[in-house]
Amino acid sequence: MTIKKKHFAEVTSDGKEVVFRDVVSWKQDKLNHAGKRVVVTMSKEVKSRSNQQNRYYWGIVIKMLSEETGYEPEEMSDAMCMEFLKVHDEKRFQVARGTSSLSTVEFEEFMSKIRRWASQELTLFLPEPNEVEF
């Protein structure tokens, strides 16, 4: 298995330079790959879900759903992922994305779908993050 290391950087406003956050690590990786063919990919950095979103998800949403349905928290989380994060493809098995791969915006969209579903299907009100302390 090959480990792919990410190097975070910023492109200068004139587009001429790339400034790495950890220059030492970048230089070390270049030395480690000296004389080899490599692939360098550039994409916009996306902020992944926050610790506060994660605490809200497990401490409020999943806890309340588990108490209401009798499912264990991990089972409830898996069920919500299968319901709202399904990956649709032509393969035989259905799979779902994990919540750790979601951006902060995607995670809030996921929470919104769960709150709406809980309200309609379980008649259970799940408070929004700003309506509860967790």
Protein backbone atom coordinates (compact mmCIF):
# COMPACT_ATOMS: atom_id res chain seq x y z
CA MET A 1 0.00 0.00 0.00
CA THR A 2 1.28 3.43 -0.94
CA ILE A 3 0.63 6.28 1.43
CA LYS A 4 -0.30 9.50 -0.31
CA LYS A 5 0.82 12.51 1.65
CA LYS A 6 -1.01 15.79 1.25
CA HIS A 7 0.92 19.04 1.27
CA PHE A 8 -1.22 22.08 1.95
CA ALA A 9 -0.26 25.32 0.24
CA GLU A 10 -1.55 28.62 -1.02
CA VAL A 11 -1.15 30.00 -4.52
CA THR A 12 -0.10 33.65 -4.47
CA SER A 13 -2.62 36.22 -5.74
CA ASP A 14 -0.65 36.69 -8.96
CA GLY A 15 -0.71 32.93 -9.57
CA LYS A 16 3.08 32.71 -9.93
CA GLU A 17 4.08 30.96 -6.71
CA VAL A 18 2.95 28.13 -4.48
CA VAL A 19 3.73 28.66 -0.79
CA PHE A 20 3.68 25.48 1.29
CA ARG A 21 2.54 25.53 4.92
CA ASP A 22 5.16 22.95 5.88
CA VAL A 23 8.13 23.69 3.62
CA VAL A 24 10.40 21.21 5.45
CA SER A 25 7.99 18.32 4.83
CA TRP A 26 7.56 19.32 1.18
CA LYS A 27 11.33 19.41 0.63
CA GLN A 28 11.75 16.06 2.37
CA ASP A 29 9.10 14.46 0.19
CA LYS A 30 10.81 15.84 -2.93
CA LEU A 31 14.08 14.26 -1.78
CA ASN A 32 12.32 10.95 -1.04
CA HIS A 33 11.03 10.88 -4.62
CA ALA A 34 14.22 12.06 -6.33
CA GLY A 35 14.64 10.45 -9.74
CA LYS A 36 11.12 9.00 -9.71
CA ARG A 37 8.06 9.88 -11.75
CA VAL A 38 5.34 11.41 -9.55
CA VAL A 39 1.82 12.79 -9.83
CA VAL A 40 1.14 16.20 -8.35
CA THR A 41 -2.52 17.14 -8.00
CA MET A 42 -3.90 20.54 -7.10
CA SER A 43 -7.40 21.18 -5.79
CA LYS A 44 -9.15 23.73 -3.66
CA GLU A 45 -8.95 22.94 0.04
CA VAL A 46 -12.32 22.02 1.50
CA LYS A 47 -12.90 22.38 5.21
CA SER A 48 -14.04 19.06 6.66
CA ARG A 49 -16.72 18.83 9.31
CA SER A 50 -15.83 20.55 12.54
CA ASN A 51 -15.37 19.03 15.97
CA GLN A 52 -18.44 20.99 17.10
CA GLN A 53 -20.52 19.46 14.27
CA ASN A 54 -19.26 16.02 15.27
CA ARG A 55 -20.20 16.59 18.94
CA TYR A 56 -23.67 17.77 17.90
CA TYR A 57 -24.13 14.74 15.63
CA TRP A 58 -23.19 12.14 18.25
CA GLY A 59 -24.27 13.98 21.41
CA ILE A 60 -27.66 15.23 20.25
CA VAL A 61 -28.84 13.81 16.92
CA ILE A 62 -27.67 10.21 17.18
CA LYS A 63 -28.31 10.04 20.92
CA MET A 64 -31.91 11.23 20.56
CA LEU A 65 -32.58 8.97 17.56
CA SER A 66 -31.09 5.97 19.38
CA GLU A 67 -33.20 6.61 22.46
CA GLU A 68 -36.32 6.96 20.31
CA THR A 69 -35.75 3.87 18.14
CA GLY A 70 -33.86 1.50 20.44
CA TYR A 71 -30.92 1.17 18.05
CA GLU A 72 -27.35 1.42 19.28
CA PRO A 73 -25.66 4.74 18.36
CA GLU A 74 -23.32 3.13 15.82
CA GLU A 75 -26.26 1.32 14.20
CA MET A 76 -28.26 4.55 14.06
CA SER A 77 -25.37 6.42 12.48
CA ASP A 78 -24.93 3.66 9.88
CA ALA A 79 -28.67 3.77 9.13
CA MET A 80 -28.60 7.55 8.63
CA CYS A 81 -25.58 7.28 6.33
CA MET A 82 -27.31 4.58 4.27
CA GLU A 83 -30.48 6.66 4.09
CA PHE A 84 -28.90 10.00 3.20
CA LEU A 85 -25.33 9.40 2.00
CA LYS A 86 -25.82 6.49 -0.41
CA VAL A 87 -23.39 6.26 -3.25
CA HIS A 88 -25.37 5.36 -6.34
CA ASP A 89 -23.47 3.31 -8.85
CA GLU A 90 -23.89 0.24 -10.99
CA LYS A 91 -22.29 -2.16 -8.53
CA ARG A 92 -24.14 -4.97 -6.81
CA PHE A 93 -23.91 -3.61 -3.26
CA GLN A 94 -25.06 -0.27 -1.97
CA VAL A 95 -22.52 1.70 0.00
CA ALA A 96 -22.68 4.99 1.84
CA ARG A 97 -20.15 7.74 2.37
CA GLY A 98 -18.90 8.16 5.89
CA THR A 99 -19.54 11.39 7.74
CA SER A 100 -15.82 12.07 8.18
CA SER A 101 -15.51 12.67 4.42
CA LEU A 102 -18.09 15.47 4.43
CA SER A 103 -17.26 19.15 4.23
CA THR A 104 -18.83 21.47 6.80
CA VAL A 105 -21.51 22.47 4.26
CA GLU A 106 -22.23 18.87 3.24
CA PHE A 107 -22.41 17.87 6.89
CA GLU A 108 -25.02 20.54 7.65
CA GLU A 109 -27.05 19.41 4.61
CA PHE A 110 -26.88 15.85 6.01
CA MET A 111 -28.07 17.11 9.44
CA SER A 112 -30.93 19.03 7.81
CA LYS A 113 -32.13 15.88 6.00
CA ILE A 114 -31.98 13.90 9.25
CA ARG A 115 -33.92 16.56 11.19
CA ARG A 116 -36.61 16.69 8.49
CA TRP A 117 -36.81 12.86 8.35
CA ALA A 118 -37.03 12.55 12.16
CA SER A 119 -39.81 15.14 12.24
CA GLN A 120 -41.85 13.46 9.49
CA GLU A 121 -41.21 9.78 10.20
CA LEU A 122 -40.80 9.70 13.98
CA THR A 123 -42.56 12.93 14.95
CA LEU A 124 -39.35 13.67 16.84
CA PHE A 125 -38.04 17.21 17.06
CA LEU A 126 -34.25 17.37 16.78
CA PRO A 127 -33.02 20.81 17.83
CA GLU A 128 -30.62 22.71 15.61
CA PRO A 129 -27.10 23.31 16.97
CA ASN A 130 -27.88 26.88 18.07
CA GLU A 131 -30.96 25.68 19.99
CA VAL A 132 -29.17 23.35 22.39
CA GLU A 133 -25.97 23.05 24.42
CA PHE A 134 -23.87 19.97 23.88
